[in-house]
Amino acid sequence: MAYQEIPKSVQTFMDHMTQKCEESHPHWAKNFNAGFANTLLTTVRRYEDGSTFLLTGDIPAMWLRDSTAQFRPYLIIAKEDEDIRQLIAGLVKRQFMYINIDPYANAFNEEANGAGHQTDKTEMNPWIWERKYEVDSLCYPIQLAYLLYKQTGETSHFNEDFHEGVKKILHLWKVEQQHENSPYLFERDTWRKEDTLTHDGKGTPVKETGMTWSGFRPSDDACQYGYLVPSNMFAVVVLGYLEELYQTIFNNEDIAKKAGTLKEDIDQGIKQYAKVNNQAGKEIYAYEVDGFGNYSIMDDSNVPSLMAAPYLGYCDKTDPTYLATRQTLLSQENPYYYEGTHAKGIGSSHTPENYIWPIALSIEGLTSPDKKEKERILDLLVANDGGTNLMHEGFDVNNPDNFTREWFSWANMMFCELVMDYFDIRIDAHYPN
């Protein structure tokens, strides 16, 4: 691993956070420090070409989505620390290197070693760990590239791979607005229906809506209906980032216009097709739709989620449709909402019944305007860590000693980001003064 010990700037920040916690919430500090250090000490590999590889945790592969979320809280330190800044820039470089290998893949090997799901019925190659196409896998690297620039002014990651990758993303999202024309197929020989696509690998039929199709959710589970609304919301946000970047610093009106047009098309599709009524007759966002009138009312623990819409930048926390959606998601109308003797929150099809996710709890806190609610959730997360001082994938609402994944870097960093948010330390999209 790249780090045998915590860099001085990171330790200084951890000490600063410890001091803040000890003033009112000393029990948060141990978990914050354990999680914040864990990612650097256990997941990071750096290369002579300046790129950075990041393990997701207990799986020897790098997810485009997870790796962004794993590094996002370090953007605060990157403002002052050149080495951390280049570490994050290196991750963006590797992400776009991978996107240029195959923009349909969600997870990649450290080298072309043929590891992973090579027997899947899709266009695999030795670099690819898994080729489940997910819209958010392409949103996250754009988000990290943009936020790194806005937080620090860094531009070294805007290299040839970045520009080629952006062209591939725009082309792919355009193709997947009319999924019947897509070259993408995916099937896996498995008993688990969530791990494969129906209809000979094309997924359930969809009607053209303006939104862009996704085969899988951020949980890596198959979509029931092909238009995954929270991922399309995320796409709208990052297309706005691209529109801005190509207008202001790259002076490329062609790319800016393509990004802007695609953004408007997808957003119009969300507005027209993704709003439905809940059991009480209130207008909310569906989780998935197909354009034919079929939809699902639910949310998943992974981000992007409907709960995360303000966190991603799609809408305001006070937006009436969002608030009605949020209320629905935190009720029994969401089939993955669970309450027990120790906790309540949102789980996933990816984990057992009655297991809720620290990622979802962190997002619930990050999207709440109520500081007392953030405090409640942080207390809950610390109390339900299974005695490890780290976050897990999911835990049993009736027995937090039952959990999935001994350690999960993405969940650790989401917890850390919520602690930072509680103390008004946030990663935003504003250029530094």
Protein backbone atom coordinates (compact mmCIF):
# COMPACT_ATOMS: atom_id res chain seq x y z
CA MET A 1 0.00 0.00 0.00
CA ALA A 2 1.09 3.58 -0.64
CA TYR A 3 0.83 4.70 2.99
CA GLN A 4 2.46 2.94 5.93
CA GLU A 5 1.48 5.79 8.23
CA ILE A 6 -0.99 8.65 8.18
CA PRO A 7 0.26 11.76 6.30
CA LYS A 8 0.86 14.73 8.55
CA SER A 9 -1.90 16.87 6.99
CA VAL A 10 -4.42 14.06 7.44
CA GLN A 11 -3.36 13.50 11.05
CA THR A 12 -3.68 17.23 11.71
CA PHE A 13 -7.22 17.19 10.33
CA MET A 14 -8.09 14.10 12.38
CA ASP A 15 -6.77 15.83 15.51
CA HIS A 16 -8.89 18.86 14.64
CA MET A 17 -11.99 16.68 14.26
CA THR A 18 -11.19 14.84 17.49
CA GLN A 19 -11.08 18.14 19.33
CA LYS A 20 -14.44 19.15 17.87
CA CYS A 21 -16.00 15.82 18.82
CA GLU A 22 -14.62 15.87 22.35
CA GLU A 23 -16.35 19.14 23.10
CA SER A 24 -19.79 17.53 22.85
CA HIS A 25 -19.66 14.06 21.26
CA PRO A 26 -16.45 12.27 22.29
CA HIS A 27 -17.83 8.85 21.28
CA TRP A 28 -17.78 9.90 17.60
CA ALA A 29 -14.04 10.57 17.51
CA LYS A 30 -12.81 6.96 17.65
CA ASN A 31 -15.01 5.92 14.73
CA PHE A 32 -14.13 9.03 12.73
CA ASN A 33 -10.41 8.48 13.15
CA ALA A 34 -10.64 4.75 12.44
CA GLY A 35 -12.61 5.29 9.24
CA PHE A 36 -10.68 8.31 8.00
CA ALA A 37 -7.35 6.52 8.43
CA ASN A 38 -8.56 3.15 7.19
CA THR A 39 -9.04 4.20 3.57
CA LEU A 40 -5.52 5.57 3.18
CA LEU A 41 -3.83 2.70 5.02
CA THR A 42 -5.69 -0.20 3.41
CA THR A 43 -6.92 0.72 -0.09
CA VAL A 44 -4.43 3.04 -1.85
CA ARG A 45 -1.87 2.09 -4.48
CA ARG A 46 0.07 4.71 -6.43
CA TYR A 47 1.90 4.28 -9.73
CA GLU A 48 4.84 5.95 -11.43
CA ASP A 49 2.54 7.27 -14.16
CA GLY A 50 0.84 9.40 -11.50
CA SER A 51 -2.34 7.33 -11.32
CA THR A 52 -3.97 5.94 -8.18
CA PHE A 53 -5.71 2.57 -7.75
CA LEU A 54 -8.19 2.14 -4.91
CA LEU A 55 -9.45 -1.16 -3.54
CA THR A 56 -13.12 -1.11 -2.63
CA GLY A 57 -12.45 -3.01 0.60
CA ASP A 58 -12.46 -6.78 0.90
CA ILE A 59 -12.74 -7.30 -2.89
CA PRO A 60 -9.49 -6.97 -4.95
CA ALA A 61 -10.95 -4.60 -7.54
CA MET A 62 -11.70 -0.90 -8.03
CA TRP A 63 -15.24 0.35 -8.55
CA LEU A 64 -15.60 3.69 -10.37
CA ARG A 65 -18.40 4.63 -7.96
CA ASP A 66 -16.90 3.49 -4.67
CA SER A 67 -13.46 4.94 -5.34
CA THR A 68 -14.90 8.44 -5.77
CA ALA A 69 -16.90 8.23 -2.55
CA GLN A 70 -13.87 6.79 -0.73
CA PHE A 71 -11.76 9.86 -1.57
CA ARG A 72 -14.38 12.62 -1.50
CA PRO A 73 -13.83 13.70 2.17
CA TYR A 74 -10.09 14.13 1.50
CA LEU A 75 -10.92 17.02 -0.85
CA ILE A 76 -11.00 19.23 2.25
CA ILE A 77 -7.33 18.43 2.92
CA ALA A 78 -6.38 18.64 -0.77
CA LYS A 79 -6.89 22.39 -0.61
CA GLU A 80 -3.69 22.70 1.43
CA ASP A 81 -1.76 19.48 0.77
CA GLU A 82 -0.20 19.07 -2.70
CA ASP A 83 0.47 15.35 -2.20
CA ILE A 84 -3.16 14.58 -1.30
CA ARG A 85 -4.25 16.75 -4.22
CA GLN A 86 -2.11 14.71 -6.62
CA LEU A 87 -3.33 11.48 -5.01
CA ILE A 88 -6.92 12.44 -5.90
CA ALA A 89 -5.91 13.69 -9.34
CA GLY A 90 -4.25 10.31 -9.86
CA LEU A 91 -7.49 8.55 -9.05
CA VAL A 92 -9.35 10.63 -11.65
CA LYS A 93 -6.65 9.76 -14.20
CA ARG A 94 -7.04 6.04 -13.53
CA GLN A 95 -10.84 6.24 -13.57
CA PHE A 96 -10.82 7.79 -17.03
CA MET A 97 -8.17 5.34 -18.21
CA TYR A 98 -10.63 2.60 -17.26
CA ILE A 99 -13.60 4.37 -18.86
CA ASN A 100 -11.68 4.47 -22.12
CA ILE A 101 -11.06 0.72 -21.86
CA ASP A 102 -14.81 0.11 -21.52
CA PRO A 103 -17.42 2.69 -20.45
CA TYR A 104 -19.97 -0.09 -19.81
CA ALA A 105 -17.88 -1.71 -17.05
CA ASN A 106 -18.43 -0.90 -13.38
CA ALA A 107 -15.32 -2.46 -11.75
CA PHE A 108 -11.76 -3.00 -12.91
CA ASN A 109 -8.68 -5.03 -12.08
CA GLU A 110 -5.42 -3.44 -10.97
CA GLU A 111 -3.77 -4.88 -14.07
CA ALA A 112 -4.90 -6.95 -17.06
CA ASN A 113 -4.90 -10.17 -15.04
CA GLY A 114 -8.24 -11.65 -16.08
CA ALA A 115 -9.59 -11.69 -12.52
CA GLY A 116 -13.27 -11.26 -11.74
CA HIS A 117 -16.37 -12.40 -13.59
CA GLN A 118 -14.79 -13.48 -16.85
CA THR A 119 -17.47 -16.09 -17.60
CA ASP A 120 -20.29 -13.52 -17.81
CA LYS A 121 -22.00 -13.38 -21.20
CA THR A 122 -20.90 -9.90 -22.26
CA GLU A 123 -17.80 -8.34 -23.84
CA MET A 124 -15.25 -8.99 -21.11
CA ASN A 125 -11.52 -8.32 -21.29
CA PRO A 126 -8.66 -8.99 -18.79
CA TRP A 127 -8.87 -5.47 -17.31
CA ILE A 128 -12.52 -5.83 -16.31
CA TRP A 129 -13.58 -7.31 -12.97
CA GLU A 130 -17.29 -6.86 -13.72
CA ARG A 131 -19.27 -5.39 -16.63
CA LYS A 132 -22.60 -4.48 -15.08
CA TYR A 133 -23.56 -1.22 -16.76
CA GLU A 134 -24.65 1.44 -14.26
CA VAL A 135 -25.23 5.10 -15.13
CA ASP A 136 -23.72 6.23 -11.83
CA SER A 137 -20.39 4.52 -12.62
CA LEU A 138 -19.86 7.25 -15.21
CA CYS A 139 -21.33 10.07 -13.09
CA TYR A 140 -18.93 9.64 -10.17
CA PRO A 141 -15.61 10.19 -12.00
CA ILE A 142 -17.02 13.37 -13.54
CA GLN A 143 -18.13 14.52 -10.09
CA LEU A 144 -14.69 13.90 -8.58
CA ALA A 145 -12.87 15.61 -11.45
CA TYR A 146 -15.13 18.65 -11.14
CA LEU A 147 -15.04 18.90 -7.34
CA LEU A 148 -11.24 18.55 -7.28
CA TYR A 149 -10.99 21.49 -9.66
CA LYS A 150 -13.56 23.58 -7.80
CA GLN A 151 -12.09 22.85 -4.36
CA THR A 152 -8.41 23.31 -5.24
CA GLY A 153 -7.98 24.75 -8.74
CA GLU A 154 -6.16 21.57 -9.82
CA THR A 155 -6.30 20.87 -13.58
CA SER A 156 -3.64 18.18 -14.19
CA HIS A 157 -6.32 15.47 -14.30
CA PHE A 158 -7.95 17.11 -17.33
CA ASN A 159 -5.70 15.13 -19.66
CA GLU A 160 -6.32 13.41 -23.00
CA ASP A 161 -7.91 10.41 -21.28
CA PHE A 162 -10.38 12.74 -19.54
CA HIS A 163 -11.49 14.38 -22.79
CA GLU A 164 -11.75 11.06 -24.63
CA GLY A 165 -13.66 9.58 -21.72
CA VAL A 166 -16.12 12.47 -21.70
CA LYS A 167 -16.82 11.91 -25.41
CA LYS A 168 -17.44 8.21 -24.75
CA ILE A 169 -19.79 8.99 -21.85
CA LEU A 170 -21.83 11.48 -23.86
CA HIS A 171 -22.07 9.03 -26.76
CA LEU A 172 -23.08 6.13 -24.50
CA TRP A 173 -25.76 8.10 -22.66
CA LYS A 174 -27.15 9.27 -26.00
CA VAL A 175 -27.24 5.68 -27.33
CA GLU A 176 -28.95 4.47 -24.14
CA GLN A 177 -31.76 6.99 -24.57
CA GLN A 178 -32.91 4.51 -27.21
CA HIS A 179 -31.88 1.27 -25.58
CA GLU A 180 -33.17 -0.90 -28.41
CA ASN A 181 -30.18 0.37 -30.44
CA SER A 182 -27.67 -0.48 -27.70
CA PRO A 183 -24.82 -2.96 -28.29
CA TYR A 184 -24.82 -3.85 -24.58
CA LEU A 185 -25.89 -7.30 -23.39
CA PHE A 186 -25.34 -8.93 -20.02
CA GLU A 187 -26.17 -12.38 -18.67
CA ARG A 188 -24.72 -14.40 -15.81
CA ASP A 189 -25.29 -18.07 -15.05
CA THR A 190 -26.57 -17.68 -11.50
CA TRP A 191 -29.42 -18.60 -9.16
CA ARG A 192 -29.58 -14.94 -8.10
CA LYS A 193 -31.96 -13.11 -10.45
CA GLU A 194 -30.58 -9.71 -9.37
CA ASP A 195 -27.22 -10.58 -10.97
CA THR A 196 -28.41 -10.98 -14.55
CA LEU A 197 -30.58 -9.21 -17.13
CA THR A 198 -33.73 -10.72 -18.62
CA HIS A 199 -34.81 -10.72 -22.28
CA ASP A 200 -31.60 -12.30 -23.60
CA GLY A 201 -29.42 -9.84 -21.71
CA LYS A 202 -31.23 -6.65 -22.80
CA GLY A 203 -33.31 -6.16 -19.63
CA THR A 204 -37.03 -5.46 -19.45
CA PRO A 205 -38.42 -3.40 -22.37
CA VAL A 206 -38.49 0.39 -22.10
CA LYS A 207 -40.08 3.23 -24.06
CA GLU A 208 -38.04 6.26 -25.10
CA THR A 209 -38.48 9.01 -22.47
CA GLY A 210 -35.45 11.29 -22.73
CA MET A 211 -33.84 9.55 -19.75
CA THR A 212 -30.85 7.26 -20.24
CA TRP A 213 -31.12 3.51 -19.57
CA SER A 214 -29.25 1.63 -16.84
CA GLY A 215 -28.87 -2.13 -16.58
CA PHE A 216 -28.02 -2.17 -12.90
CA ARG A 217 -28.45 -0.15 -9.73
CA PRO A 218 -25.54 1.22 -7.66
CA SER A 219 -25.99 -1.91 -5.53
CA ASP A 220 -24.89 -3.89 -8.62
CA ASP A 221 -28.38 -5.47 -8.61
CA ALA A 222 -30.38 -5.49 -11.84
CA CYS A 223 -32.94 -2.76 -12.46
CA GLN A 224 -36.55 -3.89 -12.47
CA TYR A 225 -37.39 -1.10 -14.92
CA GLY A 226 -34.70 0.40 -17.11
CA TYR A 227 -34.84 4.08 -16.20
CA LEU A 228 -33.22 4.40 -12.78
CA VAL A 229 -34.46 7.79 -11.61
CA PRO A 230 -31.79 8.74 -9.00
CA SER A 231 -29.01 7.85 -11.45
CA ASN A 232 -30.65 10.02 -14.10
CA MET A 233 -30.84 12.82 -11.53
CA PHE A 234 -27.09 12.40 -10.95
CA ALA A 235 -26.50 12.45 -14.71
CA VAL A 236 -28.33 15.78 -14.96
CA VAL A 237 -26.03 17.25 -12.30
CA VAL A 238 -22.74 16.05 -13.80
CA LEU A 239 -23.80 17.02 -17.32
CA GLY A 240 -24.18 20.52 -15.90
CA TYR A 241 -20.61 20.23 -14.61
CA LEU A 242 -19.38 19.24 -18.08
CA GLU A 243 -21.33 22.05 -19.71
CA GLU A 244 -19.64 24.52 -17.37
CA LEU A 245 -16.13 23.06 -17.75
CA TYR A 246 -16.24 22.99 -21.54
CA GLN A 247 -17.60 26.53 -21.72
CA THR A 248 -15.31 28.16 -19.17
CA ILE A 249 -11.91 26.44 -19.18
CA PHE A 250 -11.80 24.23 -22.30
CA ASN A 251 -13.55 26.65 -24.70
CA ASN A 252 -15.21 23.78 -26.54
CA GLU A 253 -18.73 24.85 -27.42
CA ASP A 254 -19.46 21.60 -29.26
CA ILE A 255 -18.97 19.42 -26.17
CA ALA A 256 -20.65 22.01 -23.96
CA LYS A 257 -23.70 22.05 -26.24
CA LYS A 258 -23.90 18.24 -26.38
CA ALA A 259 -23.73 18.05 -22.58
CA GLY A 260 -26.32 20.80 -22.16
CA THR A 261 -28.78 19.27 -24.62
CA LEU A 262 -28.46 15.82 -23.04
CA LYS A 263 -28.93 17.37 -19.59
CA GLU A 264 -32.18 19.04 -20.66
CA ASP A 265 -33.48 15.89 -22.36
CA ILE A 266 -32.87 13.71 -19.31
CA ASP A 267 -34.26 16.28 -16.88
CA GLN A 268 -37.40 16.67 -18.98
CA GLY A 269 -37.76 12.89 -18.96
CA ILE A 270 -37.57 12.85 -15.17
CA LYS A 271 -40.18 15.58 -14.88
CA GLN A 272 -42.54 13.90 -17.33
CA TYR A 273 -42.20 10.21 -16.47
CA ALA A 274 -40.67 9.83 -12.99
CA LYS A 275 -43.31 11.54 -10.86
CA VAL A 276 -46.02 9.27 -9.50
CA ASN A 277 -48.49 9.23 -6.60
CA ASN A 278 -47.84 7.38 -3.36
CA GLN A 279 -50.52 5.53 -1.36
CA ALA A 280 -51.66 8.81 0.19
CA GLY A 281 -52.06 10.42 -3.23
CA LYS A 282 -49.05 12.72 -2.88
CA GLU A 283 -46.75 13.32 -5.83
CA ILE A 284 -43.33 11.70 -5.34
CA TYR A 285 -40.41 10.46 -7.41
CA ALA A 286 -40.47 6.80 -8.42
CA TYR A 287 -37.25 4.82 -8.04
CA GLU A 288 -37.47 3.21 -11.48
CA VAL A 289 -39.82 3.60 -14.46
CA ASP A 290 -40.05 2.09 -17.93
CA GLY A 291 -41.93 4.81 -19.82
CA PHE A 292 -44.93 2.51 -20.33
CA GLY A 293 -46.48 3.43 -16.98
CA ASN A 294 -44.80 0.80 -14.82
CA TYR A 295 -42.81 2.03 -11.82
CA SER A 296 -41.44 1.09 -8.42
CA ILE A 297 -41.86 3.03 -5.19
CA MET A 298 -38.78 2.23 -3.10
CA ASP A 299 -35.25 3.35 -2.42
CA ASP A 300 -31.96 1.53 -2.14
CA SER A 301 -29.14 2.14 0.33
CA ASN A 302 -26.51 2.81 -2.29
CA VAL A 303 -25.90 6.28 -3.69
CA PRO A 304 -27.30 7.65 -5.97
CA SER A 305 -30.61 7.14 -4.25
CA LEU A 306 -33.78 9.18 -4.18
CA MET A 307 -32.91 10.16 -0.60
CA ALA A 308 -29.60 11.52 -1.87
CA ALA A 309 -31.08 13.88 -4.49
CA PRO A 310 -30.14 17.12 -2.60
CA TYR A 311 -26.74 15.68 -1.62
CA LEU A 312 -25.99 15.07 -5.30
CA GLY A 313 -27.14 18.57 -6.19
CA TYR A 314 -30.30 17.74 -8.13
CA CYS A 315 -32.77 19.59 -5.91
CA ASP A 316 -33.05 21.55 -2.69
CA LYS A 317 -33.70 19.86 0.65
CA THR A 318 -36.94 21.82 0.90
CA ASP A 319 -38.29 20.84 -2.53
CA PRO A 320 -41.93 19.69 -1.96
CA THR A 321 -41.70 16.63 -4.23
CA TYR A 322 -38.46 15.60 -2.57
CA LEU A 323 -39.93 16.02 0.92
CA ALA A 324 -42.96 13.91 0.02
CA THR A 325 -40.63 11.31 -1.49
CA ARG A 326 -38.43 11.32 1.60
CA GLN A 327 -41.41 10.80 3.89
CA THR A 328 -42.51 7.84 1.76
CA LEU A 329 -39.04 6.29 1.72
CA LEU A 330 -38.89 6.39 5.52
CA SER A 331 -42.11 4.41 5.81
CA GLN A 332 -43.37 0.89 5.23
CA GLU A 333 -44.33 1.90 1.69
CA ASN A 334 -40.63 1.45 0.88
CA PRO A 335 -40.13 -2.34 0.91
CA TYR A 336 -36.53 -1.88 2.08
CA TYR A 337 -37.33 0.29 5.10
CA TYR A 338 -36.85 -1.65 8.33
CA GLU A 339 -37.43 -0.89 12.01
CA GLY A 340 -36.14 -2.99 14.91
CA THR A 341 -35.15 -2.91 18.56
CA HIS A 342 -31.78 -1.23 17.89
CA ALA A 343 -32.23 0.87 14.76
CA LYS A 344 -34.38 1.90 11.82
CA GLY A 345 -33.46 2.89 8.29
CA ILE A 346 -33.16 1.79 4.68
CA GLY A 347 -31.69 -1.51 3.54
CA SER A 348 -31.22 -3.12 0.14
CA SER A 349 -32.13 -6.06 -2.05
CA HIS A 350 -28.41 -6.75 -1.89
CA THR A 351 -28.46 -7.75 1.80
CA PRO A 352 -30.82 -9.78 4.02
CA GLU A 353 -34.20 -8.58 5.24
CA ASN A 354 -34.01 -6.31 8.32
CA TYR A 355 -30.44 -5.26 7.50
CA ILE A 356 -30.03 -1.48 7.10
CA TRP A 357 -27.00 0.30 5.69
CA PRO A 358 -24.73 2.91 7.30
CA ILE A 359 -24.43 4.52 3.85
CA ALA A 360 -28.19 5.12 3.77
CA LEU A 361 -28.19 6.40 7.35
CA SER A 362 -25.36 8.80 6.53
CA ILE A 363 -27.28 10.10 3.51
CA GLU A 364 -30.39 10.49 5.66
CA GLY A 365 -28.31 12.70 7.94
CA LEU A 366 -26.54 14.61 5.17
CA THR A 367 -29.87 15.54 3.57
CA SER A 368 -31.54 16.61 6.80
CA PRO A 369 -31.55 20.35 7.69
CA ASP A 370 -32.03 19.40 11.37
CA LYS A 371 -28.83 19.23 13.40
CA LYS A 372 -30.56 17.18 16.10
CA GLU A 373 -31.47 14.60 13.46
CA LYS A 374 -27.84 14.46 12.28
CA GLU A 375 -26.80 13.93 15.90
CA ARG A 376 -29.35 11.12 16.35
CA ILE A 377 -28.07 9.32 13.27
CA LEU A 378 -24.40 9.68 14.23
CA ASP A 379 -25.16 8.31 17.69
CA LEU A 380 -27.03 5.43 16.06
CA LEU A 381 -24.14 4.62 13.71
CA VAL A 382 -21.58 4.57 16.50
CA ALA A 383 -23.81 2.47 18.74
CA ASN A 384 -24.36 -0.10 15.99
CA ASP A 385 -20.82 -0.63 14.67
CA GLY A 386 -20.63 -4.16 16.05
CA GLY A 387 -17.82 -3.15 18.39
CA THR A 388 -15.40 -2.56 15.49
CA ASN A 389 -15.27 1.28 15.36
CA LEU A 390 -15.86 0.89 11.61
CA MET A 391 -18.93 0.96 9.38
CA HIS A 392 -20.20 -2.13 7.58
CA GLU A 393 -22.26 -2.81 4.49
CA GLY A 394 -25.43 -3.61 6.43
CA PHE A 395 -26.41 -4.60 9.97
CA ASP A 396 -29.41 -6.25 11.62
CA VAL A 397 -31.84 -3.74 13.15
CA ASN A 398 -32.42 -6.22 15.99
CA ASN A 399 -28.79 -7.27 16.55
CA PRO A 400 -25.98 -4.99 15.31
CA ASP A 401 -23.42 -7.75 15.95
CA ASN A 402 -24.85 -9.37 12.82
CA PHE A 403 -23.45 -7.46 9.86
CA THR A 404 -22.23 -7.93 6.30
CA ARG A 405 -18.66 -7.07 5.24
CA GLU A 406 -16.11 -6.77 8.03
CA TRP A 407 -14.98 -3.47 6.60
CA PHE A 408 -16.32 -1.30 3.83
CA SER A 409 -14.33 1.79 2.88
CA TRP A 410 -17.22 3.64 1.19
CA ALA A 411 -19.38 3.32 4.32
CA ASN A 412 -16.52 4.49 6.55
CA MET A 413 -16.04 7.65 4.51
CA MET A 414 -19.78 8.41 4.36
CA PHE A 415 -19.82 8.31 8.16
CA CYS A 416 -16.80 10.63 8.24
CA GLU A 417 -18.49 13.02 5.83
CA LEU A 418 -21.56 13.18 8.06
CA VAL A 419 -19.41 14.01 11.10
CA MET A 420 -17.73 16.75 9.07
CA ASP A 421 -21.11 18.03 7.91
CA TYR A 422 -22.36 18.18 11.51
CA PHE A 423 -19.49 20.56 12.27
CA ASP A 424 -20.23 22.60 9.11
CA ILE A 425 -17.24 21.27 7.12
CA ARG A 426 -18.54 20.49 3.62
CA ILE A 427 -17.31 19.62 0.16
CA ASP A 428 -19.05 21.95 -2.26
CA ALA A 429 -18.85 22.97 -5.88
CA HIS A 430 -17.66 26.54 -5.33
CA TYR A 431 -14.28 27.69 -6.57
CA PRO A 432 -11.89 28.59 -3.71
CA ASN A 433 -11.20 32.26 -3.01
